[in-house]
Every structure is written in C-alpha cells, then in structure tokens.
Amino acid sequence: MNIESRHGHVSTAALILAASVLAASANAWSQEGTHVLPANAQTSGFGNGWQCARGFQRVDESCVAIKVPTNAYLDSTGGDWDCTRGYAKVDHGCKAVQIPANAHADDEPFGHGWRCNRNYREVNGGCAHFIVPANAYYVDSSYSQNWECYPGYRREGEKCTAVRAPANGFLVGDRDEWACERGFRKSADTCMAVLVPAHGYLDSGGHDWKCERGFRQEEANCVALIVPPDGYIDYSGNDWTCAEGSYKQGTACKSD
C-alpha cells in the first residue's frame, strides 16, 4: 500500500509539473503574439496592423488628435481637414478667399476658390472682359481660351476663318478640315486626280494606286513580270520567287 501510494503521489506531481510547463508556454506564446494598440487606435483587419480612429492621425507609433482650424472641417477620410467654402488652405489655417470683380466663388479641386464669370477670363489675378470673335461661341472652360469656332470655321490666332473645300473635296470631322474625293489626292490647297496607269487600280484608300497581280510598279507604270522556269508569283502578286530547291540569281532560278 505504501509503495502504491508513493507511486501514485509521484504520478500526480508529474502531471502538475507538466501542466505548469504547458501553461507557462501558452502564456509566453500569448504575450509574444499580442500587440498593444496605442490610445485612439483600432485594428485595421490586416494581420497585426492598426490605424488611428477618426479625428486622429498617425505620428510614429501613436495617434495624435487632428487640430481642425477655424472655418475648417474633418474631411471624409477623418484623417485630415479641409476648409469650408469661401476659404482656402494657407499654411496651417484657412484664409478667406478674396473674390475679384466679375468672378464668383468656386470649390473646384486645386483651384484658388473663385472663377471668372461668363465672358471674362483670368488675367493677373483678376477677371478681364473679352469679346468672342465673329463666327465663334463662348465656352465655359478653365482649360481653354473660352471660345471655339463654329463648324465650318478654323481657329487662326484670335479669329475664325472659313474652311472651304476645293473642287473634288469635302469638309470632314468637326468641319474644320477637308479631304479629297475617291480618285483624287491632296496637293497643297487642291485635289488632284490620281492618274492610274494601264494594269493598275485605285487602292482601298482611293487616293493612290497599285499594280494588278502579275505586274510591278516602275515609276508611274505597271510592267509585266517575267517569271523564269522554276519560279512563281509571290504572295504580294507584284514580284516572283523561286520554287523550293532553287534560288534567285538575277532574272533566273538556279539550283545547286
């Protein structure tokens, strides 16, 4: 009985020791995998990452409250601020926008808070009146000179010049350019007829010509191909090549 009791006591002690070791290991593993979030932060959902709560921004390993100046508000991200309408960012604050005469407030991104009224354009920080030239119309744009020519006119400097197609030509695109009819090609300000030689034809574009199959172009003519024995007209139709087992040498096909 004493021996069995002693053996039983040793067995229980061993189990307690093993449990202690396991608990210590688990505790160490838990501490190792735990990351303490800084104040005003929250986990980002990606591994052990974190991000600052709305109204705070990350500075090193902490979250610092965003100081929103007067006439400003937290932007949609919650991590920065923007000025209210009528104010612009200057240094670390918002300064009232000074709108010049003949302009109005504008909150276009990266703008300066105002925009010139219709028929005015920005000049030296102000808005100067301008006159739309004849045959043009006003365009409300900050990326152009505020006017475009009517169809059929082309911009040349500060005026609109009528575009007229020559004989055998027609206006294209926005009607500020012209092209020649099929069978004619551009030559300076005119459309000249394309002279197609015998055994030639107008190409798909209609402004140049090609030779028929079995002919090659030589200057302004189409000359018949002379195909030697063991030769045949190639894929282009305008030259010849030698059959397999022979090679081209001058005007003949030679074999080894």
Protein backbone atom coordinates (compact mmCIF):
# COMPACT_ATOMS: atom_id res chain seq x y z
CA MET A 1 0.00 0.00 0.00
CA ASN A 2 2.75 2.46 0.90
CA ILE A 3 4.61 1.71 -2.31
CA GLU A 4 1.43 2.16 -4.43
CA SER A 5 0.60 5.36 -2.58
CA ARG A 6 4.12 6.66 -3.13
CA HIS A 7 3.91 5.77 -6.80
CA GLY A 8 0.55 7.48 -7.05
CA HIS A 9 1.92 10.65 -5.41
CA VAL A 10 4.85 10.79 -7.87
CA SER A 11 2.45 10.40 -10.83
CA THR A 12 0.25 13.29 -9.64
CA ALA A 13 3.26 15.55 -9.11
CA ALA A 14 4.48 14.81 -12.63
CA LEU A 15 1.10 15.75 -14.07
CA ILE A 16 1.05 19.04 -12.14
CA LEU A 17 4.56 19.87 -13.35
CA ALA A 18 3.66 19.15 -16.99
CA ALA A 19 0.54 21.31 -16.73
CA SER A 20 2.58 24.18 -15.30
CA VAL A 21 5.09 23.97 -18.16
CA LEU A 22 2.29 23.99 -20.75
CA ALA A 23 0.58 26.95 -19.09
CA ALA A 24 3.83 28.91 -18.99
CA SER A 25 4.47 28.15 -22.68
CA ALA A 26 0.96 29.19 -23.66
CA ASN A 27 1.28 32.40 -21.64
CA ALA A 28 4.61 33.21 -23.28
CA TRP A 29 3.18 32.49 -26.75
CA SER A 30 0.14 34.65 -25.97
CA GLN A 31 2.33 37.58 -24.86
CA GLU A 32 4.50 37.12 -27.91
CA GLY A 33 1.55 37.34 -30.32
CA THR A 34 -0.16 40.27 -28.55
CA HIS A 35 0.39 43.83 -29.76
CA VAL A 36 -0.74 46.66 -27.51
CA LEU A 37 -2.68 49.29 -29.51
CA PRO A 38 -1.85 52.93 -28.83
CA ALA A 39 -4.56 55.17 -27.46
CA ASN A 40 -7.23 56.23 -30.02
CA ALA A 41 -6.28 53.42 -32.42
CA GLN A 42 -8.06 50.39 -33.78
CA THR A 43 -7.00 47.22 -35.56
CA SER A 44 -7.01 47.53 -39.33
CA GLY A 45 -8.10 43.96 -40.01
CA PHE A 46 -4.84 43.08 -41.79
CA GLY A 47 -2.59 40.94 -39.58
CA ASN A 48 -1.33 42.89 -36.57
CA GLY A 49 -1.78 46.29 -38.29
CA TRP A 50 -3.62 49.22 -36.78
CA GLN A 51 -4.91 52.63 -37.73
CA CYS A 52 -5.93 55.75 -35.91
CA ALA A 53 -9.57 56.45 -35.12
CA ARG A 54 -11.42 59.23 -36.95
CA GLY A 55 -10.15 62.63 -35.84
CA PHE A 56 -6.63 61.35 -35.16
CA GLN A 57 -3.56 60.93 -37.36
CA ARG A 58 -0.59 58.62 -37.01
CA VAL A 59 2.66 60.13 -35.78
CA ASP A 60 5.34 57.47 -35.33
CA GLU A 61 3.69 54.82 -33.14
CA SER A 62 0.95 56.95 -31.62
CA CYS A 63 -2.30 58.66 -32.63
CA VAL A 64 -2.36 62.44 -32.26
CA ALA A 65 -5.59 64.46 -32.36
CA ILE A 66 -6.05 66.44 -35.57
CA LYS A 67 -6.24 70.17 -34.88
CA VAL A 68 -9.02 71.46 -37.10
CA PRO A 69 -8.57 75.22 -37.59
CA THR A 70 -11.33 77.81 -37.67
CA ASN A 71 -13.51 77.68 -40.81
CA ALA A 72 -12.48 74.07 -41.50
CA TYR A 73 -13.88 70.56 -41.01
CA LEU A 74 -12.71 66.94 -40.92
CA ASP A 75 -12.67 65.54 -44.44
CA SER A 76 -14.46 62.33 -45.48
CA THR A 77 -11.48 60.15 -44.52
CA GLY A 78 -11.40 61.51 -41.00
CA GLY A 79 -7.61 61.70 -41.20
CA ASP A 80 -7.23 65.31 -42.43
CA TRP A 81 -9.17 68.57 -42.75
CA ASP A 82 -10.46 70.87 -45.48
CA CYS A 83 -11.52 74.48 -45.49
CA THR A 84 -15.19 75.39 -45.76
CA ARG A 85 -16.47 77.03 -48.94
CA GLY A 86 -15.12 80.56 -49.33
CA TYR A 87 -11.84 79.74 -47.57
CA ALA A 88 -8.53 78.35 -48.84
CA LYS A 89 -5.70 76.47 -47.11
CA VAL A 90 -2.82 78.77 -46.21
CA ASP A 91 -0.05 77.29 -44.07
CA HIS A 92 -1.89 75.57 -41.19
CA GLY A 93 -5.14 77.53 -41.35
CA CYS A 94 -7.98 78.71 -43.59
CA LYS A 95 -7.90 82.18 -45.10
CA ALA A 96 -10.94 83.88 -46.58
CA VAL A 97 -10.86 83.88 -50.38
CA GLN A 98 -10.81 87.36 -51.89
CA ILE A 99 -13.09 87.14 -54.91
CA PRO A 100 -12.18 89.73 -57.58
CA ALA A 101 -14.73 91.77 -59.54
CA ASN A 102 -16.65 89.86 -62.22
CA ALA A 103 -15.96 86.50 -60.53
CA HIS A 104 -17.79 84.05 -58.30
CA ALA A 105 -16.87 81.55 -55.58
CA ASP A 106 -15.80 78.14 -56.85
CA ASP A 107 -14.75 74.99 -54.96
CA GLU A 108 -13.10 73.14 -57.84
CA PRO A 109 -10.27 70.93 -56.51
CA PHE A 110 -6.83 72.55 -56.73
CA GLY A 111 -8.42 75.88 -57.76
CA HIS A 112 -7.94 79.15 -55.93
CA GLY A 113 -11.52 79.43 -54.67
CA TRP A 114 -13.03 81.60 -57.41
CA ARG A 115 -13.73 81.63 -61.12
CA CYS A 116 -14.35 84.36 -63.65
CA ASN A 117 -17.90 85.00 -64.82
CA ARG A 118 -19.09 84.31 -68.36
CA ASN A 119 -17.31 86.41 -71.00
CA TYR A 120 -14.44 87.15 -68.59
CA ARG A 121 -11.06 85.45 -68.37
CA GLU A 122 -8.42 85.33 -65.65
CA VAL A 123 -5.65 87.88 -66.13
CA ASN A 124 -3.04 88.74 -63.47
CA GLY A 125 -5.16 87.54 -60.56
CA GLY A 126 -8.32 89.28 -61.77
CA CYS A 127 -11.04 88.89 -64.40
CA ALA A 128 -10.81 90.85 -67.65
CA HIS A 129 -13.66 91.14 -70.15
CA PHE A 130 -13.11 89.62 -73.56
CA ILE A 131 -15.07 89.65 -76.79
CA VAL A 132 -15.92 86.45 -78.64
CA PRO A 133 -14.77 86.88 -82.26
CA ALA A 134 -17.09 86.58 -85.24
CA ASN A 135 -18.17 83.03 -86.15
CA ALA A 136 -17.28 81.75 -82.66
CA TYR A 137 -19.18 80.84 -79.48
CA TYR A 138 -18.43 81.10 -75.75
CA VAL A 139 -17.14 78.00 -73.91
CA ASP A 140 -17.22 77.91 -70.11
CA SER A 141 -13.83 76.28 -69.55
CA SER A 142 -10.79 76.95 -67.39
CA TYR A 143 -8.59 74.90 -69.73
CA SER A 144 -9.05 76.85 -72.99
CA GLN A 145 -9.36 80.41 -74.27
CA ASN A 146 -13.11 80.31 -73.57
CA TRP A 147 -14.30 80.28 -77.18
CA GLU A 148 -14.42 77.92 -80.13
CA CYS A 149 -15.14 78.41 -83.81
CA TYR A 150 -18.45 77.35 -85.34
CA PRO A 151 -18.42 74.26 -87.60
CA GLY A 152 -17.01 75.19 -90.97
CA TYR A 153 -14.51 77.62 -89.42
CA ARG A 154 -10.96 77.10 -88.21
CA ARG A 155 -9.21 78.95 -85.40
CA GLU A 156 -6.33 81.11 -86.59
CA GLY A 157 -4.91 83.26 -83.82
CA GLU A 158 -7.74 85.36 -82.37
CA LYS A 159 -10.19 84.88 -85.25
CA CYS A 160 -12.20 82.20 -87.02
CA THR A 161 -11.50 81.65 -90.71
CA ALA A 162 -13.95 79.87 -93.01
CA VAL A 163 -12.87 76.46 -94.21
CA ARG A 164 -13.76 75.81 -97.84
CA ALA A 165 -13.12 72.52 -99.55
CA PRO A 166 -11.64 72.76 -103.04
CA ALA A 167 -13.18 71.19 -106.14
CA ASN A 168 -13.48 67.39 -105.66
CA GLY A 169 -13.07 67.84 -101.90
CA PHE A 170 -15.39 67.88 -98.86
CA LEU A 171 -15.39 69.03 -95.21
CA VAL A 172 -14.72 66.35 -92.56
CA GLY A 173 -14.57 65.85 -88.77
CA ASP A 174 -15.88 68.92 -86.97
CA ARG A 175 -16.00 70.57 -90.40
CA ASP A 176 -12.75 72.43 -89.77
CA GLU A 177 -10.75 70.22 -92.17
CA TRP A 178 -11.22 68.84 -95.67
CA ALA A 179 -10.39 65.69 -97.62
CA CYS A 180 -10.42 64.71 -101.29
CA GLU A 181 -12.98 62.53 -103.01
CA ARG A 182 -12.01 59.00 -104.04
CA GLY A 183 -9.80 59.15 -107.12
CA PHE A 184 -8.17 62.42 -106.01
CA ARG A 185 -5.26 63.25 -103.69
CA LYS A 186 -4.32 66.37 -101.73
CA SER A 187 -1.79 68.68 -103.34
CA ALA A 188 -1.35 71.96 -101.44
CA ASP A 189 -4.87 73.52 -101.41
CA THR A 190 -6.31 71.46 -104.26
CA CYS A 191 -7.46 67.93 -105.05
CA MET A 192 -5.59 66.45 -108.00
CA ALA A 193 -6.82 63.43 -109.95
CA VAL A 194 -4.93 60.19 -109.31
CA LEU A 195 -3.54 59.01 -112.64
CA VAL A 196 -3.90 55.23 -112.71
CA PRO A 197 -1.72 53.54 -115.36
CA ALA A 198 -2.68 50.55 -117.51
CA HIS A 199 -2.91 47.35 -115.41
CA GLY A 200 -3.27 49.48 -112.26
CA TYR A 201 -6.20 50.21 -109.90
CA LEU A 202 -7.14 52.61 -107.10
CA ASP A 203 -6.14 51.27 -103.65
CA SER A 204 -8.61 50.86 -100.81
CA GLY A 205 -7.99 54.42 -99.60
CA GLY A 206 -8.88 55.78 -103.02
CA HIS A 207 -6.05 58.30 -103.06
CA ASP A 208 -3.25 56.19 -104.61
CA TRP A 209 -2.88 53.23 -106.97
CA LYS A 210 -1.41 49.73 -107.11
CA CYS A 211 -0.49 47.34 -109.91
CA GLU A 212 -2.59 44.31 -110.73
CA ARG A 213 -1.31 40.82 -109.93
CA GLY A 214 1.47 39.85 -112.34
CA PHE A 215 2.70 43.43 -112.71
CA ARG A 216 5.18 45.55 -110.75
CA GLN A 217 5.36 49.29 -110.33
CA GLU A 218 8.14 51.10 -112.16
CA GLU A 219 7.81 54.85 -111.67
CA ALA A 220 4.32 55.74 -112.98
CA ASN A 221 3.74 52.49 -114.89
CA CYS A 222 2.83 48.85 -114.26
CA VAL A 223 5.26 46.48 -116.01
CA ALA A 224 4.50 42.79 -116.60
CA LEU A 225 6.52 40.33 -114.51
CA ILE A 226 8.75 37.91 -116.42
CA VAL A 227 8.71 34.73 -114.34
CA PRO A 228 11.53 32.28 -115.18
CA PRO A 229 11.27 28.46 -115.12
CA ASP A 230 11.06 27.09 -111.55
CA GLY A 231 9.70 30.48 -110.44
CA TYR A 232 6.23 31.67 -109.43
CA ILE A 233 4.47 34.91 -108.49
CA ASP A 234 4.88 35.54 -104.74
CA TYR A 235 2.25 36.40 -102.10
CA SER A 236 2.31 40.12 -102.98
CA GLY A 237 1.32 39.44 -106.57
CA ASN A 238 3.80 42.05 -107.77
CA ASP A 239 7.06 40.06 -107.71
CA TRP A 240 8.28 36.47 -108.14
CA THR A 241 10.30 33.95 -106.21
CA CYS A 242 11.87 30.54 -106.86
CA ALA A 243 10.41 27.15 -106.04
CA GLU A 244 11.84 25.10 -103.20
CA GLY A 245 15.23 23.65 -104.10
CA SER A 246 16.29 26.63 -106.21
CA TYR A 247 17.29 30.21 -105.56
CA LYS A 248 17.01 33.57 -107.26
CA GLN A 249 20.01 34.76 -109.26
CA GLY A 250 19.36 37.83 -111.35
CA THR A 251 16.38 37.08 -113.58
CA ALA A 252 16.65 33.28 -113.27
CA CYS A 253 16.18 30.47 -110.75
CA LYS A 254 19.28 28.37 -110.12
CA SER A 255 19.64 25.05 -108.33
CA ASP A 256 22.67 23.57 -106.60
